[in-house]
Amino acid sequence: MKKLTFLFLLLSGALFGQGTLKETLKIKSAVLGKDVEYSLYLPPDYEQSNRRYPVLYLLHGYSDDETGWTQFGEVKAIADAQLQKGEMTATIIAMPDAGVSWYVNSADGKVKFEEFFVKEFIPHIDATLRTRSGKQFRAVAGLSMGGYGSCLLALKHPDLFSAAAPLSAGIFTDQEVIDFQDEAWNNVLGPPYGSGLKGKDRLTAHYQANSILNLVLTGDAEEMKKVRYYIDCGDDDFLIKGNMALHAALIDKKVPHEFRVRDGGHTWTYWRTALPEVFRFISESFHR
């Protein structure tokens, strides 16, 4: 009887759109020299099928971790609902803990998160799960620091992703960087880009090599067109200026993209309401 009950629960979960959430999984990173924790969302029929699935890499914001999207972002409930409504392709969602790395290789070489992500994390997900490993079936999205990370990874590795969806991305104009208060710079952007720098000295070669606006302004438009972009930032968000600058830069480069400014600020309420459209957008990219 217990076996029948268990089988019923498994089947009902698949039929009624209940995906599986797994938290505090670990990958041993040689690049970072430590274990990195991550969370996974598996679509409802994953355990009952033999098929392979596309993957969305969903990146957290500054001071959060791999549980940010699972706890505050309610990613499971939103994905389940979108699947039930037929507005999303069944997708694996992978959410790594990036600490406060900004998803870059730090200037001092001590934290090479970009290298870890590209050379270890993506291959690990493809090796341990039934994924569709081609570029067409891989996307990246994120909020705030993770929005910056999703832009960075897509711009620097356009052959890895079919779509990128940065939300309230941590993008700053050069003037904003110059004007940063010293304490804010040292605590937030100093670790990846160099603590103790002031004013124009912050605009180092390393910073410019990882500046979203500079990457767009100096990059190859044809390479950028390999990725579909969906950019969303609230009209009351303190990051709106950098996001609007990104929108303008992409227009100047004639790179097609979606740009949304909705009512709201830098809040989980805003990002939760953005997620359904992100899922629809990346699902369009996954379709043949």
C-alpha atoms as a PDB file:
ATOM      1  CA  MET A   1       0.000   0.000   0.000  1.00  0.00           C
ATOM      2  CA  LYS A   2       2.837   2.389   0.840  1.00  0.00           C
ATOM      3  CA  LYS A   3       4.402   1.750  -2.574  1.00  0.00           C
ATOM      4  CA  LEU A   4       1.089   2.544  -4.292  1.00  0.00           C
ATOM      5  CA  THR A   5       0.755   5.761  -2.291  1.00  0.00           C
ATOM      6  CA  PHE A   6       4.307   6.792  -3.182  1.00  0.00           C
ATOM      7  CA  LEU A   7       3.674   6.029  -6.867  1.00  0.00           C
ATOM      8  CA  PHE A   8       0.484   8.095  -6.762  1.00  0.00           C
ATOM      9  CA  LEU A   9       2.330  11.053  -5.262  1.00  0.00           C
ATOM     10  CA  LEU A  10       5.011  10.838  -7.923  1.00  0.00           C
ATOM     11  CA  LEU A  11       2.474  10.664 -10.743  1.00  0.00           C
ATOM     12  CA  SER A  12       0.265  13.399  -9.306  1.00  0.00           C
ATOM     13  CA  GLY A  13       3.297  15.668  -8.973  1.00  0.00           C
ATOM     14  CA  ALA A  14       4.097  15.143 -12.658  1.00  0.00           C
ATOM     15  CA  LEU A  15       0.484  15.568 -13.779  1.00  0.00           C
ATOM     16  CA  PHE A  16      -0.272  18.674 -11.753  1.00  0.00           C
ATOM     17  CA  GLY A  17       2.976  20.501 -12.379  1.00  0.00           C
ATOM     18  CA  GLN A  18       4.899  20.037  -9.143  1.00  0.00           C
ATOM     19  CA  GLY A  19       8.574  20.375  -9.877  1.00  0.00           C
ATOM     20  CA  THR A  20      11.340  19.302  -7.511  1.00  0.00           C
ATOM     21  CA  LEU A  21      13.549  21.728  -5.615  1.00  0.00           C
ATOM     22  CA  LYS A  22      16.978  20.633  -4.384  1.00  0.00           C
ATOM     23  CA  GLU A  23      19.051  22.939  -2.201  1.00  0.00           C
ATOM     24  CA  THR A  24      22.563  22.944  -0.737  1.00  0.00           C
ATOM     25  CA  LEU A  25      24.019  20.671  -3.390  1.00  0.00           C
ATOM     26  CA  LYS A  26      27.798  20.930  -3.747  1.00  0.00           C
ATOM     27  CA  ILE A  27      30.424  20.932  -6.447  1.00  0.00           C
ATOM     28  CA  LYS A  28      34.116  20.739  -5.578  1.00  0.00           C
ATOM     29  CA  SER A  29      35.856  23.530  -7.473  1.00  0.00           C
ATOM     30  CA  ALA A  30      39.537  23.291  -8.321  1.00  0.00           C
ATOM     31  CA  VAL A  31      39.423  26.838  -9.733  1.00  0.00           C
ATOM     32  CA  LEU A  32      38.068  28.365  -6.518  1.00  0.00           C
ATOM     33  CA  GLY A  33      39.718  25.873  -4.190  1.00  0.00           C
ATOM     34  CA  LYS A  34      36.543  25.115  -2.262  1.00  0.00           C
ATOM     35  CA  ASP A  35      33.109  23.520  -2.435  1.00  0.00           C
ATOM     36  CA  VAL A  36      30.479  25.688  -4.097  1.00  0.00           C
ATOM     37  CA  GLU A  37      26.842  25.214  -3.113  1.00  0.00           C
ATOM     38  CA  TYR A  38      23.994  25.427  -5.595  1.00  0.00           C
ATOM     39  CA  SER A  39      20.262  24.845  -5.864  1.00  0.00           C
ATOM     40  CA  LEU A  40      18.298  23.095  -8.596  1.00  0.00           C
ATOM     41  CA  TYR A  41      14.749  23.178  -9.877  1.00  0.00           C
ATOM     42  CA  LEU A  42      13.828  20.051 -11.837  1.00  0.00           C
ATOM     43  CA  PRO A  43      10.650  20.110 -13.942  1.00  0.00           C
ATOM     44  CA  PRO A  44       7.696  17.916 -12.897  1.00  0.00           C
ATOM     45  CA  ASP A  45       8.328  15.032 -15.289  1.00  0.00           C
ATOM     46  CA  TYR A  46      12.107  14.878 -14.844  1.00  0.00           C
ATOM     47  CA  GLU A  47      12.110  11.759 -12.648  1.00  0.00           C
ATOM     48  CA  GLN A  48       9.517   9.975 -14.812  1.00  0.00           C
ATOM     49  CA  SER A  49      11.080  10.550 -18.219  1.00  0.00           C
ATOM     50  CA  ASN A  50      14.263   9.855 -20.136  1.00  0.00           C
ATOM     51  CA  ARG A  51      14.216  13.105 -22.078  1.00  0.00           C
ATOM     52  CA  ARG A  52      16.814  15.837 -21.927  1.00  0.00           C
ATOM     53  CA  TYR A  53      16.013  19.388 -20.853  1.00  0.00           C
ATOM     54  CA  PRO A  54      17.241  22.926 -21.543  1.00  0.00           C
ATOM     55  CA  VAL A  55      18.901  24.779 -18.673  1.00  0.00           C
ATOM     56  CA  LEU A  56      18.420  28.257 -17.255  1.00  0.00           C
ATOM     57  CA  TYR A  57      21.222  29.519 -15.031  1.00  0.00           C
ATOM     58  CA  LEU A  58      19.536  31.879 -12.569  1.00  0.00           C
ATOM     59  CA  LEU A  59      21.929  34.164 -10.681  1.00  0.00           C
ATOM     60  CA  HIS A  60      21.373  35.762  -7.268  1.00  0.00           C
ATOM     61  CA  GLY A  61      22.064  39.314  -6.146  1.00  0.00           C
ATOM     62  CA  TYR A  62      24.659  40.881  -3.871  1.00  0.00           C
ATOM     63  CA  SER A  63      24.619  39.463  -0.286  1.00  0.00           C
ATOM     64  CA  ASP A  64      22.307  36.584  -1.269  1.00  0.00           C
ATOM     65  CA  ASP A  65      23.327  33.004  -2.027  1.00  0.00           C
ATOM     66  CA  GLU A  66      22.066  29.937  -3.902  1.00  0.00           C
ATOM     67  CA  THR A  67      18.819  30.017  -1.880  1.00  0.00           C
ATOM     68  CA  GLY A  68      17.873  33.592  -2.781  1.00  0.00           C
ATOM     69  CA  TRP A  69      15.728  32.674  -5.749  1.00  0.00           C
ATOM     70  CA  THR A  70      14.339  29.558  -4.076  1.00  0.00           C
ATOM     71  CA  GLN A  71      13.248  31.299  -0.868  1.00  0.00           C
ATOM     72  CA  PHE A  72      12.526  34.938  -1.666  1.00  0.00           C
ATOM     73  CA  GLY A  73      12.086  34.575  -5.413  1.00  0.00           C
ATOM     74  CA  GLU A  74       9.610  31.667  -5.113  1.00  0.00           C
ATOM     75  CA  VAL A  75      11.096  30.197  -8.267  1.00  0.00           C
ATOM     76  CA  LYS A  76       9.468  26.782  -7.813  1.00  0.00           C
ATOM     77  CA  ALA A  77       5.935  28.118  -7.399  1.00  0.00           C
ATOM     78  CA  ILE A  78       6.321  30.471 -10.357  1.00  0.00           C
ATOM     79  CA  ALA A  79       7.857  27.821 -12.627  1.00  0.00           C
ATOM     80  CA  ASP A  80       5.180  25.291 -11.653  1.00  0.00           C
ATOM     81  CA  ALA A  81       2.440  27.814 -12.427  1.00  0.00           C
ATOM     82  CA  GLN A  82       3.963  28.761 -15.783  1.00  0.00           C
ATOM     83  CA  LEU A  83       4.272  25.108 -16.778  1.00  0.00           C
ATOM     84  CA  GLN A  84       0.657  24.420 -15.814  1.00  0.00           C
ATOM     85  CA  LYS A  85      -0.470  27.322 -17.996  1.00  0.00           C
ATOM     86  CA  GLY A  86       1.676  26.118 -20.891  1.00  0.00           C
ATOM     87  CA  GLU A  87       3.650  29.373 -20.890  1.00  0.00           C
ATOM     88  CA  MET A  88       7.060  27.840 -20.251  1.00  0.00           C
ATOM     89  CA  THR A  89       9.149  24.997 -21.639  1.00  0.00           C
ATOM     90  CA  ALA A  90      10.046  22.319 -19.089  1.00  0.00           C
ATOM     91  CA  THR A  91      13.446  23.577 -17.970  1.00  0.00           C
ATOM     92  CA  ILE A  92      16.134  22.744 -15.429  1.00  0.00           C
ATOM     93  CA  ILE A  93      17.017  25.832 -13.386  1.00  0.00           C
ATOM     94  CA  ALA A  94      20.492  25.921 -11.811  1.00  0.00           C
ATOM     95  CA  MET A  95      21.300  28.523  -9.133  1.00  0.00           C
ATOM     96  CA  PRO A  96      24.929  28.688  -7.896  1.00  0.00           C
ATOM     97  CA  ASP A  97      26.249  30.561  -4.860  1.00  0.00           C
ATOM     98  CA  ALA A  98      28.543  33.303  -6.147  1.00  0.00           C
ATOM     99  CA  GLY A  99      29.159  35.047  -2.841  1.00  0.00           C
ATOM    100  CA  VAL A 100      29.935  38.708  -3.563  1.00  0.00           C
ATOM    101  CA  SER A 101      32.138  37.922  -6.576  1.00  0.00           C
ATOM    102  CA  TRP A 102      30.035  39.831  -9.133  1.00  0.00           C
ATOM    103  CA  TYR A 103      30.535  36.694 -11.272  1.00  0.00           C
ATOM    104  CA  VAL A 104      33.916  37.987 -12.518  1.00  0.00           C
ATOM    105  CA  ASN A 105      37.534  36.948 -12.153  1.00  0.00           C
ATOM    106  CA  SER A 106      38.773  39.363  -9.490  1.00  0.00           C
ATOM    107  CA  ALA A 107      41.559  41.837 -10.233  1.00  0.00           C
ATOM    108  CA  ASP A 108      43.862  40.194  -7.687  1.00  0.00           C
ATOM    109  CA  GLY A 109      43.273  36.748  -9.188  1.00  0.00           C
ATOM    110  CA  LYS A 110      42.094  35.260  -5.900  1.00  0.00           C
ATOM    111  CA  VAL A 111      38.458  34.626  -6.893  1.00  0.00           C
ATOM    112  CA  LYS A 112      38.021  33.445 -10.480  1.00  0.00           C
ATOM    113  CA  PHE A 113      34.267  32.985 -10.548  1.00  0.00           C
ATOM    114  CA  GLU A 114      33.799  33.517 -14.280  1.00  0.00           C
ATOM    115  CA  GLU A 115      36.368  30.796 -14.937  1.00  0.00           C
ATOM    116  CA  PHE A 116      34.669  28.483 -12.435  1.00  0.00           C
ATOM    117  CA  PHE A 117      31.254  29.085 -13.988  1.00  0.00           C
ATOM    118  CA  VAL A 118      32.331  28.440 -17.574  1.00  0.00           C
ATOM    119  CA  LYS A 119      34.913  25.686 -17.070  1.00  0.00           C
ATOM    120  CA  GLU A 120      33.449  23.807 -14.086  1.00  0.00           C
ATOM    121  CA  PHE A 121      29.864  24.647 -13.253  1.00  0.00           C
ATOM    122  CA  ILE A 122      28.241  24.394 -16.691  1.00  0.00           C
ATOM    123  CA  PRO A 123      30.135  21.148 -17.488  1.00  0.00           C
ATOM    124  CA  HIS A 124      29.132  19.773 -14.069  1.00  0.00           C
ATOM    125  CA  ILE A 125      25.430  20.441 -14.699  1.00  0.00           C
ATOM    126  CA  ASP A 126      25.672  18.885 -18.161  1.00  0.00           C
ATOM    127  CA  ALA A 127      27.513  15.840 -16.791  1.00  0.00           C
ATOM    128  CA  THR A 128      25.232  15.125 -13.826  1.00  0.00           C
ATOM    129  CA  LEU A 129      21.804  15.945 -15.266  1.00  0.00           C
ATOM    130  CA  ARG A 130      19.945  15.065 -18.441  1.00  0.00           C
ATOM    131  CA  THR A 131      20.504  18.388 -20.188  1.00  0.00           C
ATOM    132  CA  ARG A 132      20.484  19.505 -23.775  1.00  0.00           C
ATOM    133  CA  SER A 133      24.025  20.760 -23.774  1.00  0.00           C
ATOM    134  CA  GLY A 134      24.021  22.883 -26.919  1.00  0.00           C
ATOM    135  CA  LYS A 135      24.011  26.691 -26.864  1.00  0.00           C
ATOM    136  CA  GLN A 136      20.437  26.803 -28.181  1.00  0.00           C
ATOM    137  CA  PHE A 137      19.204  25.136 -24.999  1.00  0.00           C
ATOM    138  CA  ARG A 138      21.099  27.224 -22.451  1.00  0.00           C
ATOM    139  CA  ALA A 139      20.141  30.637 -21.027  1.00  0.00           C
ATOM    140  CA  VAL A 140      21.253  32.886 -18.184  1.00  0.00           C
ATOM    141  CA  ALA A 141      19.282  35.370 -16.081  1.00  0.00           C
ATOM    142  CA  GLY A 142      19.649  37.093 -12.739  1.00  0.00           C
ATOM    143  CA  LEU A 143      18.860  40.066 -10.543  1.00  0.00           C
ATOM    144  CA  SER A 144      21.033  43.012  -9.482  1.00  0.00           C
ATOM    145  CA  MET A 145      24.563  41.591  -9.141  1.00  0.00           C
ATOM    146  CA  GLY A 146      23.181  38.522 -10.924  1.00  0.00           C
ATOM    147  CA  GLY A 147      21.734  40.750 -13.639  1.00  0.00           C
ATOM    148  CA  TYR A 148      25.220  42.134 -14.149  1.00  0.00           C
ATOM    149  CA  GLY A 149      26.552  38.549 -14.142  1.00  0.00           C
ATOM    150  CA  SER A 150      24.060  37.400 -16.750  1.00  0.00           C
ATOM    151  CA  CYS A 151      25.057  40.295 -19.028  1.00  0.00           C
ATOM    152  CA  LEU A 152      28.745  39.690 -18.465  1.00  0.00           C
ATOM    153  CA  LEU A 153      28.608  35.972 -19.194  1.00  0.00           C
ATOM    154  CA  ALA A 154      26.450  36.416 -22.295  1.00  0.00           C
ATOM    155  CA  LEU A 155      28.583  39.235 -23.716  1.00  0.00           C
ATOM    156  CA  LYS A 156      31.875  37.457 -23.078  1.00  0.00           C
ATOM    157  CA  HIS A 157      30.645  33.963 -24.023  1.00  0.00           C
ATOM    158  CA  PRO A 158      27.982  34.403 -26.741  1.00  0.00           C
ATOM    159  CA  ASP A 159      28.621  30.885 -28.012  1.00  0.00           C
ATOM    160  CA  LEU A 160      27.401  29.430 -24.700  1.00  0.00           C
ATOM    161  CA  PHE A 161      23.962  31.042 -24.373  1.00  0.00           C
ATOM    162  CA  SER A 162      20.916  31.529 -26.572  1.00  0.00           C
ATOM    163  CA  ALA A 163      19.331  34.123 -24.272  1.00  0.00           C
ATOM    164  CA  ALA A 164      20.112  36.421 -21.361  1.00  0.00           C
ATOM    165  CA  ALA A 165      17.592  38.143 -19.104  1.00  0.00           C
ATOM    166  CA  PRO A 166      19.171  40.649 -16.685  1.00  0.00           C
ATOM    167  CA  LEU A 167      16.765  42.112 -14.109  1.00  0.00           C
ATOM    168  CA  SER A 168      17.681  45.369 -12.334  1.00  0.00           C
ATOM    169  CA  ALA A 169      21.239  44.694 -13.445  1.00  0.00           C
ATOM    170  CA  GLY A 170      24.100  46.194 -11.433  1.00  0.00           C
ATOM    171  CA  ILE A 171      25.363  48.299 -14.335  1.00  0.00           C
ATOM    172  CA  PHE A 172      27.026  51.662 -13.720  1.00  0.00           C
ATOM    173  CA  THR A 173      28.164  54.448 -15.998  1.00  0.00           C
ATOM    174  CA  ASP A 174      31.806  55.480 -15.691  1.00  0.00           C
ATOM    175  CA  GLN A 175      30.733  58.682 -13.967  1.00  0.00           C
ATOM    176  CA  GLU A 176      28.751  56.730 -11.378  1.00  0.00           C
ATOM    177  CA  VAL A 177      31.836  54.621 -10.686  1.00  0.00           C
ATOM    178  CA  ILE A 178      33.980  57.732 -10.290  1.00  0.00           C
ATOM    179  CA  ASP A 179      31.417  59.265  -7.912  1.00  0.00           C
ATOM    180  CA  PHE A 180      30.976  56.189  -5.690  1.00  0.00           C
ATOM    181  CA  GLN A 181      31.434  56.916  -1.993  1.00  0.00           C
ATOM    182  CA  ASP A 182      34.728  55.385  -0.837  1.00  0.00           C
ATOM    183  CA  GLU A 183      33.092  53.096   1.720  1.00  0.00           C
ATOM    184  CA  ALA A 184      30.555  51.810  -0.791  1.00  0.00           C
ATOM    185  CA  TRP A 185      33.262  51.200  -3.381  1.00  0.00           C
ATOM    186  CA  ASN A 186      35.571  49.365  -0.980  1.00  0.00           C
ATOM    187  CA  ASN A 187      32.799  47.182   0.446  1.00  0.00           C
ATOM    188  CA  VAL A 188      30.838  46.384  -2.705  1.00  0.00           C
ATOM    189  CA  LEU A 189      32.963  46.784  -5.829  1.00  0.00           C
ATOM    190  CA  GLY A 190      36.427  46.847  -4.294  1.00  0.00           C
ATOM    191  CA  PRO A 191      36.770  43.047  -3.880  1.00  0.00           C
ATOM    192  CA  PRO A 192      36.434  42.250  -7.602  1.00  0.00           C
ATOM    193  CA  TYR A 193      37.906  45.455  -9.031  1.00  0.00           C
ATOM    194  CA  GLY A 194      40.432  46.715  -6.477  1.00  0.00           C
ATOM    195  CA  SER A 195      39.895  48.172  -3.013  1.00  0.00           C
ATOM    196  CA  GLY A 196      41.266  51.578  -2.056  1.00  0.00           C
ATOM    197  CA  LEU A 197      40.884  53.089  -5.518  1.00  0.00           C
ATOM    198  CA  LYS A 198      39.414  56.559  -5.811  1.00  0.00           C
ATOM    199  CA  GLY A 199      37.762  58.540  -8.595  1.00  0.00           C
ATOM    200  CA  LYS A 200      39.066  57.914 -12.100  1.00  0.00           C
ATOM    201  CA  ASP A 201      41.667  55.467 -10.770  1.00  0.00           C
ATOM    202  CA  ARG A 202      38.815  52.967 -10.457  1.00  0.00           C
ATOM    203  CA  LEU A 203      38.474  52.808 -14.250  1.00  0.00           C
ATOM    204  CA  THR A 204      41.314  50.304 -14.568  1.00  0.00           C
ATOM    205  CA  ALA A 205      41.905  48.056 -17.548  1.00  0.00           C
ATOM    206  CA  HIS A 206      40.464  45.192 -15.503  1.00  0.00           C
ATOM    207  CA  TYR A 207      37.340  47.184 -14.717  1.00  0.00           C
ATOM    208  CA  GLN A 208      36.836  48.177 -18.353  1.00  0.00           C
ATOM    209  CA  ALA A 209      37.349  44.571 -19.462  1.00  0.00           C
ATOM    210  CA  ASN A 210      34.356  43.675 -17.279  1.00  0.00           C
ATOM    211  CA  SER A 211      32.256  46.819 -17.697  1.00  0.00           C
ATOM    212  CA  ILE A 212      28.972  45.929 -19.391  1.00  0.00           C
ATOM    213  CA  LEU A 213      28.725  49.315 -21.100  1.00  0.00           C
ATOM    214  CA  ASN A 214      32.320  49.171 -22.318  1.00  0.00           C
ATOM    215  CA  LEU A 215      31.881  45.597 -23.567  1.00  0.00           C
ATOM    216  CA  VAL A 216      28.890  46.715 -25.636  1.00  0.00           C
ATOM    217  CA  LEU A 217      30.482  49.939 -26.892  1.00  0.00           C
ATOM    218  CA  THR A 218      33.712  48.227 -27.988  1.00  0.00           C
ATOM    219  CA  GLY A 219      32.315  44.809 -28.875  1.00  0.00           C
ATOM    220  CA  ASP A 220      31.403  43.134 -32.152  1.00  0.00           C
ATOM    221  CA  ALA A 221      27.703  43.677 -32.830  1.00  0.00           C
ATOM    222  CA  GLU A 222      27.466  40.454 -34.829  1.00  0.00           C
ATOM    223  CA  GLU A 223      28.744  38.482 -31.846  1.00  0.00           C
ATOM    224  CA  MET A 224      26.222  40.204 -29.558  1.00  0.00           C
ATOM    225  CA  LYS A 225      23.406  39.291 -31.938  1.00  0.00           C
ATOM    226  CA  LYS A 226      24.087  35.621 -31.204  1.00  0.00           C
ATOM    227  CA  VAL A 227      22.239  36.090 -27.891  1.00  0.00           C
ATOM    228  CA  ARG A 228      18.652  37.283 -27.379  1.00  0.00           C
ATOM    229  CA  TYR A 229      18.467  39.907 -24.609  1.00  0.00           C
ATOM    230  CA  TYR A 230      15.583  40.746 -22.289  1.00  0.00           C
ATOM    231  CA  ILE A 231      16.363  43.691 -19.990  1.00  0.00           C
ATOM    232  CA  ASP A 232      13.991  44.782 -17.210  1.00  0.00           C
ATOM    233  CA  CYS A 233      14.468  47.457 -14.539  1.00  0.00           C
ATOM    234  CA  GLY A 234      12.016  49.346 -12.342  1.00  0.00           C
ATOM    235  CA  ASP A 235      11.451  53.067 -12.822  1.00  0.00           C
ATOM    236  CA  ASP A 236      12.219  53.681  -9.139  1.00  0.00           C
ATOM    237  CA  ASP A 237      15.329  51.476  -9.080  1.00  0.00           C
ATOM    238  CA  PHE A 238      18.624  53.168  -8.194  1.00  0.00           C
ATOM    239  CA  LEU A 239      20.168  51.178 -11.062  1.00  0.00           C
ATOM    240  CA  ILE A 240      17.831  52.521 -13.762  1.00  0.00           C
ATOM    241  CA  LYS A 241      20.423  54.934 -15.205  1.00  0.00           C
ATOM    242  CA  GLY A 242      22.911  52.179 -16.005  1.00  0.00           C
ATOM    243  CA  ASN A 243      20.175  49.978 -17.470  1.00  0.00           C
ATOM    244  CA  MET A 244      18.947  52.813 -19.689  1.00  0.00           C
ATOM    245  CA  ALA A 245      22.533  53.416 -20.790  1.00  0.00           C
ATOM    246  CA  LEU A 246      22.767  49.736 -21.758  1.00  0.00           C
ATOM    247  CA  HIS A 247      19.525  50.046 -23.731  1.00  0.00           C
ATOM    248  CA  ALA A 248      20.899  53.103 -25.568  1.00  0.00           C
ATOM    249  CA  ALA A 249      24.233  51.413 -26.266  1.00  0.00           C
ATOM    250  CA  LEU A 250      22.516  48.356 -27.759  1.00  0.00           C
ATOM    251  CA  ILE A 251      20.377  50.637 -29.950  1.00  0.00           C
ATOM    252  CA  ASP A 252      23.519  52.403 -31.201  1.00  0.00           C
ATOM    253  CA  LYS A 253      25.095  49.028 -31.999  1.00  0.00           C
ATOM    254  CA  LYS A 254      21.850  47.917 -33.697  1.00  0.00           C
ATOM    255  CA  VAL A 255      21.636  44.844 -31.473  1.00  0.00           C
ATOM    256  CA  PRO A 256      18.010  43.623 -31.175  1.00  0.00           C
ATOM    257  CA  HIS A 257      16.769  43.332 -27.592  1.00  0.00           C
ATOM    258  CA  GLU A 258      13.708  43.678 -25.392  1.00  0.00           C
ATOM    259  CA  PHE A 259      13.755  46.509 -22.859  1.00  0.00           C
ATOM    260  CA  ARG A 260      11.148  46.932 -20.119  1.00  0.00           C
ATOM    261  CA  VAL A 261      10.709  49.642 -17.517  1.00  0.00           C
ATOM    262  CA  ARG A 262       7.875  48.836 -15.133  1.00  0.00           C
ATOM    263  CA  ASP A 263       6.589  50.541 -12.010  1.00  0.00           C
ATOM    264  CA  GLY A 264       8.708  49.436  -9.065  1.00  0.00           C
ATOM    265  CA  GLY A 265      12.041  49.485  -7.298  1.00  0.00           C
ATOM    266  CA  HIS A 266      14.871  47.187  -6.280  1.00  0.00           C
ATOM    267  CA  THR A 267      12.648  44.634  -4.537  1.00  0.00           C
ATOM    268  CA  TRP A 268      11.730  40.966  -4.534  1.00  0.00           C
ATOM    269  CA  THR A 269       8.160  41.948  -5.416  1.00  0.00           C
ATOM    270  CA  TYR A 270       9.478  43.427  -8.642  1.00  0.00           C
ATOM    271  CA  TRP A 271      11.668  40.424  -9.492  1.00  0.00           C
ATOM    272  CA  ARG A 272       8.951  37.868  -8.729  1.00  0.00           C
ATOM    273  CA  THR A 273       6.584  39.658 -11.117  1.00  0.00           C
ATOM    274  CA  ALA A 274       9.346  39.737 -13.740  1.00  0.00           C
ATOM    275  CA  LEU A 275      10.072  36.018 -13.598  1.00  0.00           C
ATOM    276  CA  PRO A 276       7.052  34.743 -15.597  1.00  0.00           C
ATOM    277  CA  GLU A 277       8.015  36.939 -18.560  1.00  0.00           C
ATOM    278  CA  VAL A 278      11.641  35.803 -18.240  1.00  0.00           C
ATOM    279  CA  PHE A 279      10.478  32.191 -18.433  1.00  0.00           C
ATOM    280  CA  ARG A 280       8.368  32.934 -21.529  1.00  0.00           C
ATOM    281  CA  PHE A 281      11.253  34.752 -23.184  1.00  0.00           C
ATOM    282  CA  ILE A 282      13.856  32.060 -22.620  1.00  0.00           C
ATOM    283  CA  SER A 283      11.365  29.365 -23.668  1.00  0.00           C
ATOM    284  CA  GLU A 284      11.003  31.107 -27.031  1.00  0.00           C
ATOM    285  CA  SER A 285      14.774  30.867 -27.385  1.00  0.00           C
ATOM    286  CA  PHE A 286      14.704  27.139 -26.663  1.00  0.00           C
ATOM    287  CA  HIS A 287      12.121  26.399 -29.367  1.00  0.00           C
ATOM    288  CA  ARG A 288      13.341  25.127 -32.694  1.00  0.00           C
END
